């Protein structure tokens, strides 16, 4: 009988996490957020809701909300490219958690 080499536990955990992750459009946006917005913005702004193509993003400070409003069309384009579909039409930025 031939023994199979042990597999890393991380492979099983990654597969389980993918199966358990919600498949809603908001969850997909949240998964692609760091890549689309960039690490500096993503550290200070978090997608909170997605309704009728409008992504509401909570920003820690008003200055980041204003910056993200200016970057909005670019971030929307990058998000949709990362998602492979036109899910987000525009951003709505709010201040606070």
PDB file of N, CA and C in Angstrom:
ATOM      1  N   UNK A   1       0.848  -1.169   0.000  1.00  0.00           N
ATOM      2  CA  UNK A   1       0.000   0.000   0.000  1.00  0.00           C
ATOM      3  C   UNK A   1       0.896   1.235   0.000  1.00  0.00           C
ATOM      4  N   UNK A   2       0.560   2.148  -0.842  1.00  0.00           N
ATOM      5  CA  UNK A   2       1.363   3.357  -0.964  1.00  0.00           C
ATOM      6  C   UNK A   2       0.757   4.472  -0.123  1.00  0.00           C
ATOM      7  N   UNK A   3       1.608   5.131   0.644  1.00  0.00           N
ATOM      8  CA  UNK A   3       1.136   6.233   1.486  1.00  0.00           C
ATOM      9  C   UNK A   3       1.188   7.537   0.706  1.00  0.00           C
ATOM     10  N   UNK A   4       0.204   8.343   0.896  1.00  0.00           N
ATOM     11  CA  UNK A   4       0.152   9.662   0.271  1.00  0.00           C
ATOM     12  C   UNK A   4       0.806  10.655   1.231  1.00  0.00           C
ATOM     13  N   UNK A   5       1.630  11.511   0.678  1.00  0.00           N
ATOM     14  CA  UNK A   5       2.310  12.516   1.511  1.00  0.00           C
ATOM     15  C   UNK A   5       1.282  13.466   2.111  1.00  0.00           C
ATOM     16  N   UNK A   6       1.534  13.901   3.323  1.00  0.00           N
ATOM     17  CA  UNK A   6       0.593  14.839   3.953  1.00  0.00           C
ATOM     18  C   UNK A   6       0.516  16.150   3.169  1.00  0.00           C
ATOM     19  N   UNK A   7      -0.675  16.708   3.138  1.00  0.00           N
ATOM     20  CA  UNK A   7      -0.876  17.995   2.479  1.00  0.00           C
ATOM     21  C   UNK A   7      -0.847  19.087   3.545  1.00  0.00           C
ATOM     22  N   UNK A   8      -0.431  20.280   3.151  1.00  0.00           N
ATOM     23  CA  UNK A   8      -0.440  21.384   4.115  1.00  0.00           C
ATOM     24  C   UNK A   8      -1.872  21.688   4.583  1.00  0.00           C
ATOM     25  N   UNK A   9      -2.028  21.986   5.822  1.00  0.00           N
ATOM     26  CA  UNK A   9      -3.329  22.324   6.384  1.00  0.00           C
ATOM     27  C   UNK A   9      -3.894  23.586   5.739  1.00  0.00           C
ATOM     28  N   UNK A  10      -3.018  24.485   5.321  1.00  0.00           N
ATOM     29  CA  UNK A  10      -3.479  25.744   4.728  1.00  0.00           C
ATOM     30  C   UNK A  10      -4.318  25.512   3.480  1.00  0.00           C
ATOM     31  N   UNK A  11      -4.030  24.468   2.720  1.00  0.00           N
ATOM     32  CA  UNK A  11      -4.811  24.168   1.521  1.00  0.00           C
ATOM     33  C   UNK A  11      -6.247  23.815   1.894  1.00  0.00           C
ATOM     34  N   UNK A  12      -6.413  23.038   2.927  1.00  0.00           N
ATOM     35  CA  UNK A  12      -7.754  22.659   3.383  1.00  0.00           C
ATOM     36  C   UNK A  12      -8.501  23.861   3.949  1.00  0.00           C
ATOM     37  N   UNK A  13      -7.802  24.702   4.689  1.00  0.00           N
ATOM     38  CA  UNK A  13      -8.429  25.893   5.279  1.00  0.00           C
ATOM     39  C   UNK A  13      -8.845  26.861   4.182  1.00  0.00           C
ATOM     40  N   UNK A  14      -7.999  27.063   3.168  1.00  0.00           N
ATOM     41  CA  UNK A  14      -8.345  27.949   2.057  1.00  0.00           C
ATOM     42  C   UNK A  14      -9.566  27.448   1.303  1.00  0.00           C
ATOM     43  N   UNK A  15      -9.636  26.160   1.071  1.00  0.00           N
ATOM     44  CA  UNK A  15     -10.789  25.583   0.378  1.00  0.00           C
ATOM     45  C   UNK A  15     -12.059  25.742   1.202  1.00  0.00           C
ATOM     46  N   UNK A  16     -11.967  25.535   2.498  1.00  0.00           N
ATOM     47  CA  UNK A  16     -13.123  25.688   3.374  1.00  0.00           C
ATOM     48  C   UNK A  16     -13.575  27.147   3.430  1.00  0.00           C
ATOM     49  N   UNK A  17     -12.626  28.069   3.514  1.00  0.00           N
ATOM     50  CA  UNK A  17     -12.961  29.495   3.556  1.00  0.00           C
ATOM     51  C   UNK A  17     -13.665  29.920   2.272  1.00  0.00           C
ATOM     52  N   UNK A  18     -13.213  29.427   1.138  1.00  0.00           N
ATOM     53  CA  UNK A  18     -13.855  29.762  -0.135  1.00  0.00           C
ATOM     54  C   UNK A  18     -15.289  29.229  -0.175  1.00  0.00           C
ATOM     55  N   UNK A  19     -15.508  28.031   0.381  1.00  0.00           N
ATOM     56  CA  UNK A  19     -16.857  27.455   0.406  1.00  0.00           C
ATOM     57  C   UNK A  19     -17.787  28.201   1.346  1.00  0.00           C
ATOM     58  N   UNK A  20     -17.260  28.728   2.440  1.00  0.00           N
ATOM     59  CA  UNK A  20     -18.083  29.395   3.447  1.00  0.00           C
ATOM     60  C   UNK A  20     -18.299  30.878   3.180  1.00  0.00           C
ATOM     61  N   UNK A  21     -17.483  31.477   2.334  1.00  0.00           N
ATOM     62  CA  UNK A  21     -17.590  32.913   2.064  1.00  0.00           C
ATOM     63  C   UNK A  21     -18.923  33.214   1.379  1.00  0.00           C
ATOM     64  N   UNK A  22     -19.598  34.293   1.804  1.00  0.00           N
ATOM     65  CA  UNK A  22     -20.849  34.655   1.156  1.00  0.00           C
ATOM     66  C   UNK A  22     -20.594  35.066  -0.297  1.00  0.00           C
ATOM     67  N   UNK A  23     -21.502  34.742  -1.165  1.00  0.00           N
ATOM     68  CA  UNK A  23     -21.337  35.028  -2.589  1.00  0.00           C
ATOM     69  C   UNK A  23     -22.184  36.222  -3.032  1.00  0.00           C
ATOM     70  N   UNK A  24     -22.466  37.155  -2.140  1.00  0.00           N
ATOM     71  CA  UNK A  24     -23.227  38.338  -2.488  1.00  0.00           C
ATOM     72  C   UNK A  24     -22.350  39.318  -3.255  1.00  0.00           C
ATOM     73  N   UNK A  25     -22.952  40.227  -4.013  1.00  0.00           N
ATOM     74  CA  UNK A  25     -22.144  41.236  -4.708  1.00  0.00           C
ATOM     75  C   UNK A  25     -21.298  42.072  -3.746  1.00  0.00           C
ATOM     76  N   UNK A  26     -21.832  42.423  -2.579  1.00  0.00           N
ATOM     77  CA  UNK A  26     -21.061  43.198  -1.610  1.00  0.00           C
ATOM     78  C   UNK A  26     -19.847  42.414  -1.124  1.00  0.00           C
ATOM     79  N   UNK A  27     -20.012  41.133  -0.871  1.00  0.00           N
ATOM     80  CA  UNK A  27     -18.889  40.306  -0.428  1.00  0.00           C
ATOM     81  C   UNK A  27     -17.814  40.237  -1.503  1.00  0.00           C
ATOM     82  N   UNK A  28     -18.231  40.164  -2.756  1.00  0.00           N
ATOM     83  CA  UNK A  28     -17.258  40.168  -3.858  1.00  0.00           C
ATOM     84  C   UNK A  28     -16.512  41.493  -3.922  1.00  0.00           C
ATOM     85  N   UNK A  29     -17.244  42.592  -3.736  1.00  0.00           N
ATOM     86  CA  UNK A  29     -16.611  43.921  -3.735  1.00  0.00           C
ATOM     87  C   UNK A  29     -15.625  44.026  -2.577  1.00  0.00           C
ATOM     88  N   UNK A  30     -16.028  43.590  -1.390  1.00  0.00           N
ATOM     89  CA  UNK A  30     -15.145  43.661  -0.231  1.00  0.00           C
ATOM     90  C   UNK A  30     -13.880  42.836  -0.445  1.00  0.00           C
ATOM     91  N   UNK A  31     -13.995  41.702  -1.118  1.00  0.00           N
ATOM     92  CA  UNK A  31     -12.825  40.863  -1.383  1.00  0.00           C
ATOM     93  C   UNK A  31     -11.864  41.533  -2.365  1.00  0.00           C
ATOM     94  N   UNK A  32     -12.393  42.327  -3.295  1.00  0.00           N
ATOM     95  CA  UNK A  32     -11.560  42.989  -4.309  1.00  0.00           C
ATOM     96  C   UNK A  32     -11.144  44.402  -3.904  1.00  0.00           C
ATOM     97  N   UNK A  33     -11.602  44.880  -2.754  1.00  0.00           N
ATOM     98  CA  UNK A  33     -11.423  46.279  -2.358  1.00  0.00           C
ATOM     99  C   UNK A  33      -9.951  46.697  -2.255  1.00  0.00           C
ATOM    100  N   UNK A  34      -9.130  45.932  -1.582  1.00  0.00           N
ATOM    101  CA  UNK A  34      -7.725  46.327  -1.390  1.00  0.00           C
ATOM    102  C   UNK A  34      -7.018  46.447  -2.735  1.00  0.00           C
ATOM    103  N   UNK A  35      -7.261  45.494  -3.605  1.00  0.00           N
ATOM    104  CA  UNK A  35      -6.634  45.528  -4.936  1.00  0.00           C
ATOM    105  C   UNK A  35      -7.099  46.746  -5.733  1.00  0.00           C
ATOM    106  N   UNK A  36      -8.392  47.048  -5.691  1.00  0.00           N
ATOM    107  CA  UNK A  36      -8.946  48.130  -6.507  1.00  0.00           C
ATOM    108  C   UNK A  36      -8.658  49.511  -5.928  1.00  0.00           C
ATOM    109  N   UNK A  37      -8.769  49.655  -4.618  1.00  0.00           N
ATOM    110  CA  UNK A  37      -8.604  50.973  -3.993  1.00  0.00           C
ATOM    111  C   UNK A  37      -7.153  51.267  -3.644  1.00  0.00           C
ATOM    112  N   UNK A  38      -6.370  50.225  -3.460  1.00  0.00           N
ATOM    113  CA  UNK A  38      -4.994  50.409  -3.028  1.00  0.00           C
ATOM    114  C   UNK A  38      -4.899  50.298  -1.520  1.00  0.00           C
ATOM    115  N   UNK A  39      -3.737  49.898  -1.003  1.00  0.00           N
ATOM    116  CA  UNK A  39      -3.607  49.654   0.434  1.00  0.00           C
ATOM    117  C   UNK A  39      -3.781  50.900   1.293  1.00  0.00           C
ATOM    118  N   UNK A  40      -3.352  52.063   0.822  1.00  0.00           N
ATOM    119  CA  UNK A  40      -3.479  53.291   1.626  1.00  0.00           C
ATOM    120  C   UNK A  40      -4.943  53.666   1.818  1.00  0.00           C
ATOM    121  N   UNK A  41      -5.725  53.629   0.748  1.00  0.00           N
ATOM    122  CA  UNK A  41      -7.146  53.954   0.840  1.00  0.00           C
ATOM    123  C   UNK A  41      -7.888  52.863   1.602  1.00  0.00           C
ATOM    124  N   UNK A  42      -7.583  51.599   1.296  1.00  0.00           N
ATOM    125  CA  UNK A  42      -8.287  50.486   1.935  1.00  0.00           C
ATOM    126  C   UNK A  42      -8.080  50.458   3.443  1.00  0.00           C
ATOM    127  N   UNK A  43      -6.954  50.978   3.922  1.00  0.00           N
ATOM    128  CA  UNK A  43      -6.703  51.021   5.362  1.00  0.00           C
ATOM    129  C   UNK A  43      -7.584  52.063   6.052  1.00  0.00           C
ATOM    130  N   UNK A  44      -8.135  52.991   5.288  1.00  0.00           N
ATOM    131  CA  UNK A  44      -8.902  54.094   5.870  1.00  0.00           C
ATOM    132  C   UNK A  44     -10.350  54.157   5.407  1.00  0.00           C
ATOM    133  N   UNK A  45     -10.735  53.240   4.515  1.00  0.00           N
ATOM    134  CA  UNK A  45     -12.096  53.240   3.984  1.00  0.00           C
ATOM    135  C   UNK A  45     -12.547  51.800   3.763  1.00  0.00           C
ATOM    136  N   UNK A  46     -13.811  51.526   4.120  1.00  0.00           N
ATOM    137  CA  UNK A  46     -14.336  50.168   4.048  1.00  0.00           C
ATOM    138  C   UNK A  46     -15.692  50.152   3.354  1.00  0.00           C
ATOM    139  N   UNK A  47     -15.886  49.297   2.357  1.00  0.00           N
ATOM    140  CA  UNK A  47     -17.206  49.170   1.724  1.00  0.00           C
ATOM    141  C   UNK A  47     -18.223  48.636   2.730  1.00  0.00           C
ATOM    142  N   UNK A  48     -19.345  49.326   2.834  1.00  0.00           N
ATOM    143  CA  UNK A  48     -20.367  48.933   3.828  1.00  0.00           C
ATOM    144  C   UNK A  48     -21.643  48.392   3.218  1.00  0.00           C
ATOM    145  N   UNK A  49     -22.089  48.965   2.084  1.00  0.00           N
ATOM    146  CA  UNK A  49     -23.320  48.473   1.472  1.00  0.00           C
ATOM    147  C   UNK A  49     -23.279  48.721  -0.025  1.00  0.00           C
ATOM    148  N   UNK A  50     -24.091  47.945  -0.737  1.00  0.00           N
ATOM    149  CA  UNK A  50     -24.191  48.064  -2.184  1.00  0.00           C
ATOM    150  C   UNK A  50     -25.656  47.940  -2.547  1.00  0.00           C
ATOM    151  N   UNK A  51     -26.208  49.034  -3.053  1.00  0.00           N
ATOM    152  CA  UNK A  51     -27.626  49.043  -3.429  1.00  0.00           C
ATOM    153  C   UNK A  51     -27.777  49.744  -4.765  1.00  0.00           C
ATOM    154  N   UNK A  52     -28.390  49.077  -5.714  1.00  0.00           N
ATOM    155  CA  UNK A  52     -28.667  49.626  -7.039  1.00  0.00           C
ATOM    156  C   UNK A  52     -27.416  50.218  -7.680  1.00  0.00           C
ATOM    157  N   UNK A  53     -26.287  49.549  -7.507  1.00  0.00           N
ATOM    158  CA  UNK A  53     -25.044  49.995  -8.118  1.00  0.00           C
ATOM    159  C   UNK A  53     -24.282  51.057  -7.357  1.00  0.00           C
ATOM    160  N   UNK A  54     -24.849  51.536  -6.249  1.00  0.00           N
ATOM    161  CA  UNK A  54     -24.189  52.565  -5.444  1.00  0.00           C
ATOM    162  C   UNK A  54     -23.492  51.895  -4.265  1.00  0.00           C
ATOM    163  N   UNK A  55     -22.171  51.994  -4.242  1.00  0.00           N
ATOM    164  CA  UNK A  55     -21.365  51.408  -3.172  1.00  0.00           C
ATOM    165  C   UNK A  55     -21.126  52.471  -2.105  1.00  0.00           C
ATOM    166  N   UNK A  56     -21.630  52.235  -0.906  1.00  0.00           N
ATOM    167  CA  UNK A  56     -21.396  53.143   0.210  1.00  0.00           C
ATOM    168  C   UNK A  56     -20.123  52.711   0.926  1.00  0.00           C
ATOM    169  N   UNK A  57     -19.211  53.666   1.067  1.00  0.00           N
ATOM    170  CA  UNK A  57     -17.910  53.408   1.673  1.00  0.00           C
ATOM    171  C   UNK A  57     -17.776  54.276   2.918  1.00  0.00           C
ATOM    172  N   UNK A  58     -17.492  53.652   4.064  1.00  0.00           N
ATOM    173  CA  UNK A  58     -17.282  54.381   5.317  1.00  0.00           C
ATOM    174  C   UNK A  58     -15.804  54.743   5.415  1.00  0.00           C
ATOM    175  N   UNK A  59     -15.529  56.034   5.570  1.00  0.00           N
ATOM    176  CA  UNK A  59     -14.160  56.541   5.682  1.00  0.00           C
ATOM    177  C   UNK A  59     -13.909  57.005   7.100  1.00  0.00           C
ATOM    178  N   UNK A  60     -12.692  56.799   7.580  1.00  0.00           N
ATOM    179  CA  UNK A  60     -12.363  57.167   8.963  1.00  0.00           C
ATOM    180  C   UNK A  60     -12.365  58.683   9.181  1.00  0.00           C
ATOM    181  N   UNK A  61     -11.869  59.425   8.208  1.00  0.00           N
ATOM    182  CA  UNK A  61     -11.824  60.885   8.329  1.00  0.00           C
ATOM    183  C   UNK A  61     -12.471  61.518   7.102  1.00  0.00           C
ATOM    184  N   UNK A  62     -12.958  62.742   7.273  1.00  0.00           N
ATOM    185  CA  UNK A  62     -13.614  63.455   6.179  1.00  0.00           C
ATOM    186  C   UNK A  62     -12.667  63.689   5.011  1.00  0.00           C
ATOM    187  N   UNK A  63     -11.391  63.911   5.306  1.00  0.00           N
ATOM    188  CA  UNK A  63     -10.437  64.147   4.230  1.00  0.00           C
ATOM    189  C   UNK A  63     -10.314  62.922   3.328  1.00  0.00           C
ATOM    190  N   UNK A  64     -10.414  61.713   3.896  1.00  0.00           N
ATOM    191  CA  UNK A  64     -10.358  60.503   3.086  1.00  0.00           C
ATOM    192  C   UNK A  64     -11.649  60.318   2.298  1.00  0.00           C
ATOM    193  N   UNK A  65     -12.773  60.722   2.864  1.00  0.00           N
ATOM    194  CA  UNK A  65     -14.035  60.658   2.126  1.00  0.00           C
ATOM    195  C   UNK A  65     -13.966  61.578   0.910  1.00  0.00           C
ATOM    196  N   UNK A  66     -13.419  62.764   1.093  1.00  0.00           N
ATOM    197  CA  UNK A  66     -13.288  63.709  -0.007  1.00  0.00           C
ATOM    198  C   UNK A  66     -12.319  63.177  -1.067  1.00  0.00           C
ATOM    199  N   UNK A  67     -11.200  62.639  -0.632  1.00  0.00           N
ATOM    200  CA  UNK A  67     -10.216  62.075  -1.567  1.00  0.00           C
ATOM    201  C   UNK A  67     -10.824  60.924  -2.365  1.00  0.00           C
ATOM    202  N   UNK A  68     -11.583  60.081  -1.693  1.00  0.00           N
ATOM    203  CA  UNK A  68     -12.189  58.935  -2.368  1.00  0.00           C
ATOM    204  C   UNK A  68     -13.284  59.381  -3.336  1.00  0.00           C
ATOM    205  N   UNK A  69     -13.992  60.443  -3.003  1.00  0.00           N
ATOM    206  CA  UNK A  69     -14.989  60.998  -3.932  1.00  0.00           C
ATOM    207  C   UNK A  69     -14.304  61.430  -5.223  1.00  0.00           C
ATOM    208  N   UNK A  70     -13.125  62.056  -5.097  1.00  0.00           N
ATOM    209  CA  UNK A  70     -12.379  62.497  -6.276  1.00  0.00           C
ATOM    210  C   UNK A  70     -11.851  61.307  -7.086  1.00  0.00           C
ATOM    211  N   UNK A  71     -11.431  60.265  -6.391  1.00  0.00           N
ATOM    212  CA  UNK A  71     -10.909  59.067  -7.046  1.00  0.00           C
ATOM    213  C   UNK A  71     -12.015  58.105  -7.472  1.00  0.00           C
ATOM    214  N   UNK A  72     -13.257  58.421  -7.135  1.00  0.00           N
ATOM    215  CA  UNK A  72     -14.391  57.522  -7.339  1.00  0.00           C
ATOM    216  C   UNK A  72     -14.472  56.844  -8.689  1.00  0.00           C
ATOM    217  N   UNK A  73     -14.466  57.596  -9.796  1.00  0.00           N
ATOM    218  CA  UNK A  73     -14.586  56.941 -11.103  1.00  0.00           C
ATOM    219  C   UNK A  73     -13.445  55.950 -11.383  1.00  0.00           C
ATOM    220  N   UNK A  74     -12.250  56.297 -10.975  1.00  0.00           N
ATOM    221  CA  UNK A  74     -11.105  55.414 -11.173  1.00  0.00           C
ATOM    222  C   UNK A  74     -11.253  54.143 -10.327  1.00  0.00           C
ATOM    223  N   UNK A  75     -11.658  54.287  -9.081  1.00  0.00           N
ATOM    224  CA  UNK A  75     -11.835  53.125  -8.196  1.00  0.00           C
ATOM    225  C   UNK A  75     -12.964  52.237  -8.704  1.00  0.00           C
ATOM    226  N   UNK A  76     -14.058  52.844  -9.161  1.00  0.00           N
ATOM    227  CA  UNK A  76     -15.179  52.071  -9.710  1.00  0.00           C
ATOM    228  C   UNK A  76     -14.716  51.256 -10.915  1.00  0.00           C
ATOM    229  N   UNK A  77     -13.941  51.880 -11.785  1.00  0.00           N
ATOM    230  CA  UNK A  77     -13.429  51.181 -12.962  1.00  0.00           C
ATOM    231  C   UNK A  77     -12.550  49.995 -12.553  1.00  0.00           C
ATOM    232  N   UNK A  78     -11.668  50.213 -11.586  1.00  0.00           N
ATOM    233  CA  UNK A  78     -10.778  49.139 -11.136  1.00  0.00           C
ATOM    234  C   UNK A  78     -11.563  48.023 -10.441  1.00  0.00           C
ATOM    235  N   UNK A  79     -12.577  48.396  -9.641  1.00  0.00           N
ATOM    236  CA  UNK A  79     -13.411  47.391  -8.970  1.00  0.00           C
ATOM    237  C   UNK A  79     -14.109  46.504  -9.996  1.00  0.00           C
ATOM    238  N   UNK A  80     -14.764  47.129 -10.954  1.00  0.00           N
ATOM    239  CA  UNK A  80     -15.494  46.369 -11.956  1.00  0.00           C
ATOM    240  C   UNK A  80     -14.562  45.489 -12.780  1.00  0.00           C
ATOM    241  N   UNK A  81     -13.360  45.980 -13.053  1.00  0.00           N
ATOM    242  CA  UNK A  81     -12.380  45.162 -13.782  1.00  0.00           C
ATOM    243  C   UNK A  81     -11.971  43.950 -12.941  1.00  0.00           C
ATOM    244  N   UNK A  82     -11.748  44.163 -11.645  1.00  0.00           N
ATOM    245  CA  UNK A  82     -11.364  43.061 -10.761  1.00  0.00           C
ATOM    246  C   UNK A  82     -12.501  42.050 -10.604  1.00  0.00           C
ATOM    247  N   UNK A  83     -13.732  42.527 -10.651  1.00  0.00           N
ATOM    248  CA  UNK A  83     -14.889  41.651 -10.480  1.00  0.00           C
ATOM    249  C   UNK A  83     -15.296  40.970 -11.788  1.00  0.00           C
ATOM    250  N   UNK A  84     -14.854  41.511 -12.905  1.00  0.00           N
ATOM    251  CA  UNK A  84     -15.220  40.950 -14.192  1.00  0.00           C
ATOM    252  C   UNK A  84     -16.645  41.226 -14.595  1.00  0.00           C
ATOM    253  N   UNK A  85     -17.255  42.245 -13.976  1.00  0.00           N
ATOM    254  CA  UNK A  85     -18.643  42.599 -14.286  1.00  0.00           C
ATOM    255  C   UNK A  85     -18.897  44.032 -13.835  1.00  0.00           C
ATOM    256  N   UNK A  86     -19.902  44.650 -14.419  1.00  0.00           N
ATOM    257  CA  UNK A  86     -20.282  46.012 -14.037  1.00  0.00           C
ATOM    258  C   UNK A  86     -21.235  45.943 -12.842  1.00  0.00           C
ATOM    259  N   UNK A  87     -20.681  45.843 -11.663  1.00  0.00           N
ATOM    260  CA  UNK A  87     -21.477  45.721 -10.442  1.00  0.00           C
ATOM    261  C   UNK A  87     -21.653  47.075  -9.767  1.00  0.00           C
ATOM    262  N   UNK A  88     -20.610  47.891  -9.767  1.00  0.00           N
ATOM    263  CA  UNK A  88     -20.624  49.188  -9.094  1.00  0.00           C
ATOM    264  C   UNK A  88     -20.726  50.293 -10.144  1.00  0.00           C
ATOM    265  N   UNK A  89     -21.704  51.195  -9.959  1.00  0.00           N
ATOM    266  CA  UNK A  89     -21.875  52.332 -10.859  1.00  0.00           C
ATOM    267  C   UNK A  89     -21.198  53.584 -10.316  1.00  0.00           C
ATOM    268  N   UNK A  90     -21.284  53.766  -8.996  1.00  0.00           N
ATOM    269  CA  UNK A  90     -20.645  54.938  -8.383  1.00  0.00           C
ATOM    270  C   UNK A  90     -20.413  54.693  -6.894  1.00  0.00           C
ATOM    271  N   UNK A  91     -19.566  55.549  -6.316  1.00  0.00           N
ATOM    272  CA  UNK A  91     -19.280  55.485  -4.881  1.00  0.00           C
ATOM    273  C   UNK A  91     -20.041  56.563  -4.143  1.00  0.00           C
ATOM    274  N   UNK A  92     -20.414  56.254  -2.925  1.00  0.00           N
ATOM    275  CA  UNK A  92     -20.986  57.218  -1.989  1.00  0.00           C
ATOM    276  C   UNK A  92     -20.150  57.105  -0.732  1.00  0.00           C
ATOM    277  N   UNK A  93     -19.468  58.188  -0.362  1.00  0.00           N
ATOM    278  CA  UNK A  93     -18.563  58.139   0.785  1.00  0.00           C
ATOM    279  C   UNK A  93     -19.196  58.815   1.986  1.00  0.00           C
ATOM    280  N   UNK A  94     -19.108  58.159   3.123  1.00  0.00           N
ATOM    281  CA  UNK A  94     -19.592  58.705   4.386  1.00  0.00           C
ATOM    282  C   UNK A  94     -18.457  58.658   5.400  1.00  0.00           C
ATOM    283  N   UNK A  95     -18.542  59.537   6.375  1.00  0.00           N
ATOM    284  CA  UNK A  95     -17.520  59.570   7.422  1.00  0.00           C
ATOM    285  C   UNK A  95     -18.004  58.807   8.624  1.00  0.00           C
ATOM    286  N   UNK A  96     -17.107  58.069   9.243  1.00  0.00           N
ATOM    287  CA  UNK A  96     -17.433  57.301  10.442  1.00  0.00           C
ATOM    288  C   UNK A  96     -17.343  55.825  10.189  1.00  0.00           C
ATOM    289  N   UNK A  97     -17.427  55.050  11.226  1.00  0.00           N
ATOM    290  CA  UNK A  97     -17.340  53.597  11.116  1.00  0.00           C
ATOM    291  C   UNK A  97     -18.710  53.080  10.856  1.00  0.00           C
TER     292      UNK A  97
END
